Amino acid sequence: MKIIETTIATACLGLALCHSTFAQGTQKGDPSRPDAEEVIMKKDHIMMNEGKMMVMKDGKTMKMEKDMTLDDGTKVMTDGTVMMKDGKSMKMGEDDMIMMDGKMGKKEHLIMKDGKMMMVRGGKTTMMEKDMTLENGTKVMMDGTVMMKDGKTMKVDETDMVLMNGMMMKKPKLPSGPRNTN
């Protein structure tokens, strides 16, 4: 009987500690537990940026050095050609993106540029004219405030990109430093 009591007491203590740790980890600003927005913003993808194919992998952006085959069999070439598994091909345009599962991202997205919210559509950037509600119910205000459906808010900065489906990610940064002339 004493073993059962000890086991139950230990289990209760463990559950209480887990609950306490989880509750602390979900508070805003805790660096040990990223918010859902942070996880989404770092989702791996390939993107055409300033005429160059860029790969975001594990939160790091680098120039695409070789052709890649995605999870669904889609092939993406360094020149921006995408060969679908059904044999159809297309050429990626500026700011087009493709996720590692082969799903294409929408070309239209919102960014912060020089302190103003801008819409990128068809490769052209124009100032956002009014607050917007995106496909998933996320609201983006002209001052860069983003309000998620669950009521959480965050502020878009110059490194963020908000897709029209509500997904957020970091804009790819072109590598800097000496160029390889080989």
Protein backbone atom coordinates (compact mmCIF):
# COMPACT_ATOMS: atom_id res chain seq x y z
CA MET A 1 0.00 0.00 0.00
CA LYS A 2 2.85 2.37 0.87
CA ILE A 3 4.37 1.80 -2.62
CA ILE A 4 1.09 2.81 -4.30
CA GLU A 5 0.83 5.95 -2.13
CA THR A 6 4.44 6.89 -2.90
CA THR A 7 3.90 6.29 -6.65
CA ILE A 8 0.75 8.42 -6.69
CA ALA A 9 2.42 11.21 -4.70
CA THR A 10 5.43 11.16 -7.07
CA ALA A 11 3.15 11.25 -10.13
CA CYS A 12 1.18 14.19 -8.70
CA LEU A 13 4.38 16.07 -7.93
CA GLY A 14 5.66 15.38 -11.46
CA LEU A 15 2.40 16.62 -13.00
CA ALA A 16 2.47 19.76 -10.86
CA LEU A 17 6.06 20.49 -11.92
CA CYS A 18 5.23 19.89 -15.60
CA HIS A 19 2.20 22.17 -15.38
CA SER A 20 4.23 24.88 -13.64
CA THR A 21 7.04 24.65 -16.22
CA PHE A 22 4.58 24.66 -19.13
CA ALA A 23 2.70 27.68 -17.74
CA GLN A 24 5.96 29.59 -17.29
CA GLY A 25 7.16 28.60 -20.77
CA THR A 26 4.04 29.92 -22.48
CA GLN A 27 4.30 33.39 -21.01
CA LYS A 28 5.18 36.03 -23.60
CA GLY A 29 8.87 36.79 -23.76
CA ASP A 30 10.17 33.46 -22.44
CA PRO A 31 13.15 32.71 -24.70
CA SER A 32 13.11 28.99 -23.88
CA ARG A 33 9.70 28.45 -25.59
CA PRO A 34 9.09 30.14 -28.93
CA ASP A 35 5.61 31.47 -29.67
CA ALA A 36 3.64 29.89 -32.53
CA GLU A 37 4.41 32.96 -34.66
CA GLU A 38 8.16 32.46 -34.21
CA VAL A 39 7.93 28.82 -35.26
CA ILE A 40 5.90 29.70 -38.36
CA MET A 41 8.28 32.50 -39.32
CA LYS A 42 11.17 30.07 -39.44
CA LYS A 43 9.45 27.47 -41.61
CA ASP A 44 11.88 26.04 -44.17
CA HIS A 45 11.30 27.22 -47.75
CA ILE A 46 12.94 28.25 -51.02
CA MET A 47 12.36 31.73 -52.41
CA MET A 48 13.36 33.92 -55.35
CA ASN A 49 14.74 37.13 -53.86
CA GLU A 50 16.39 39.88 -55.89
CA GLY A 51 16.77 37.44 -58.78
CA LYS A 52 18.58 34.84 -56.68
CA MET A 53 17.27 31.55 -55.36
CA MET A 54 17.52 31.49 -51.56
CA VAL A 55 16.96 28.62 -49.11
CA MET A 56 15.74 29.15 -45.56
CA LYS A 57 16.65 26.11 -43.48
CA ASP A 58 16.49 25.97 -39.68
CA GLY A 59 16.03 29.75 -39.49
CA LYS A 60 19.12 30.50 -41.60
CA THR A 61 18.95 31.90 -45.12
CA MET A 62 21.58 31.06 -47.70
CA LYS A 63 22.00 31.14 -51.46
CA MET A 64 20.75 28.00 -53.16
CA GLU A 65 23.94 26.32 -54.40
CA LYS A 66 22.50 23.18 -56.05
CA ASP A 67 19.22 21.80 -57.37
CA MET A 68 16.94 20.33 -54.70
CA THR A 69 14.28 17.63 -54.61
CA LEU A 70 11.46 18.41 -52.17
CA ASP A 71 9.49 16.02 -49.95
CA ASP A 72 6.77 15.46 -52.59
CA GLY A 73 9.26 14.83 -55.45
CA THR A 74 9.12 18.39 -56.88
CA LYS A 75 12.52 19.50 -58.18
CA VAL A 76 13.69 23.10 -57.77
CA MET A 77 16.64 24.27 -59.86
CA THR A 78 19.09 27.04 -58.98
CA ASP A 79 17.82 29.10 -61.94
CA GLY A 80 14.28 29.17 -60.45
CA THR A 81 12.80 26.43 -62.63
CA VAL A 82 10.38 24.19 -60.73
CA MET A 83 9.64 20.72 -62.14
CA MET A 84 6.52 19.27 -60.54
CA LYS A 85 6.31 15.53 -59.99
CA ASP A 86 3.60 15.36 -62.71
CA GLY A 87 6.13 16.71 -65.25
CA LYS A 88 4.79 20.28 -65.47
CA SER A 89 7.33 23.01 -65.04
CA MET A 90 7.23 26.68 -64.15
CA LYS A 91 9.66 29.49 -63.46
CA MET A 92 9.64 31.16 -60.06
CA GLY A 93 9.25 34.94 -60.10
CA GLU A 94 10.47 37.56 -57.66
CA ASP A 95 9.23 36.79 -54.13
CA ASP A 96 7.67 33.46 -55.16
CA MET A 97 8.29 30.76 -52.60
CA ILE A 98 7.92 27.04 -52.30
CA MET A 99 7.77 25.12 -49.04
CA MET A 100 9.77 21.92 -48.52
CA ASP A 101 6.57 19.88 -48.94
CA GLY A 102 6.17 21.25 -52.50
CA LYS A 103 3.37 23.74 -51.77
CA MET A 104 3.82 27.08 -53.48
CA GLY A 105 3.55 30.22 -51.38
CA LYS A 106 1.57 33.14 -52.66
CA LYS A 107 3.39 35.95 -54.32
CA GLU A 108 1.38 38.58 -52.49
CA HIS A 109 2.59 39.46 -49.03
CA LEU A 110 3.00 42.35 -46.62
CA ILE A 111 6.27 43.81 -45.37
CA MET A 112 7.48 46.73 -43.29
CA LYS A 113 9.69 49.08 -45.29
CA ASP A 114 11.05 52.37 -43.96
CA GLY A 115 8.54 52.24 -41.10
CA LYS A 116 5.51 51.80 -43.40
CA MET A 117 3.46 48.69 -44.13
CA MET A 118 3.75 47.74 -47.79
CA MET A 119 2.01 45.20 -50.02
CA VAL A 120 4.06 43.23 -52.52
CA ARG A 121 1.92 42.07 -55.43
CA GLY A 122 3.15 40.88 -58.81
CA GLY A 123 6.70 41.90 -57.91
CA LYS A 124 5.62 45.53 -57.26
CA THR A 125 5.64 47.14 -53.83
CA THR A 126 2.93 49.65 -52.89
CA MET A 127 1.90 51.24 -49.60
CA MET A 128 -0.81 49.40 -47.68
CA GLU A 129 -3.94 51.57 -47.94
CA LYS A 130 -5.97 50.25 -44.99
CA ASP A 131 -6.00 47.65 -42.23
CA MET A 132 -6.49 44.14 -43.65
CA THR A 133 -8.02 40.87 -42.51
CA LEU A 134 -6.15 37.90 -44.01
CA GLU A 135 -7.47 34.48 -45.09
CA ASN A 136 -7.06 32.89 -41.65
CA GLY A 137 -8.65 35.82 -39.77
CA THR A 138 -5.36 37.47 -38.78
CA LYS A 139 -5.62 41.27 -38.84
CA VAL A 140 -2.74 43.45 -40.04
CA MET A 141 -2.90 47.13 -39.14
CA MET A 142 -1.23 49.92 -41.08
CA ASP A 143 1.13 50.58 -38.14
CA GLY A 144 2.49 47.01 -38.43
CA THR A 145 0.53 45.50 -35.55
CA VAL A 146 -0.59 41.94 -36.29
CA MET A 147 -3.49 40.51 -34.29
CA MET A 148 -3.87 36.74 -34.49
CA LYS A 149 -7.29 35.07 -34.32
CA ASP A 150 -6.52 34.01 -30.75
CA GLY A 151 -6.00 37.67 -29.74
CA LYS A 152 -2.19 37.60 -29.51
CA THR A 153 -0.51 40.60 -31.04
CA MET A 154 2.94 41.25 -32.40
CA LYS A 155 4.65 43.97 -34.40
CA VAL A 156 6.01 43.45 -37.92
CA ASP A 157 9.58 44.68 -38.35
CA GLU A 158 11.78 45.17 -41.41
CA THR A 159 12.82 41.50 -41.39
CA ASP A 160 9.28 40.04 -41.32
CA MET A 161 6.98 39.02 -44.12
CA VAL A 162 3.24 38.29 -43.74
CA LEU A 163 1.66 36.07 -46.40
CA MET A 164 -1.98 36.60 -47.36
CA ASN A 165 -2.91 33.27 -45.77
CA GLY A 166 -1.71 34.67 -42.41
CA MET A 167 1.56 32.74 -42.30
CA MET A 168 4.50 34.82 -41.12
CA MET A 169 8.15 34.31 -41.89
CA LYS A 170 11.44 36.12 -41.94
CA LYS A 171 12.44 37.78 -45.22
CA PRO A 172 15.52 36.15 -46.69
CA LYS A 173 18.69 38.14 -46.22
CA LEU A 174 21.16 38.06 -49.04
CA PRO A 175 24.57 36.92 -47.87
CA SER A 176 27.10 39.69 -47.51
CA GLY A 177 30.87 39.64 -47.60
CA PRO A 178 33.39 38.83 -50.30
CA ARG A 179 31.98 37.30 -53.46
CA ASN A 180 33.37 34.14 -54.94
CA THR A 181 34.61 35.00 -58.44
CA ASN A 182 35.23 31.41 -59.56
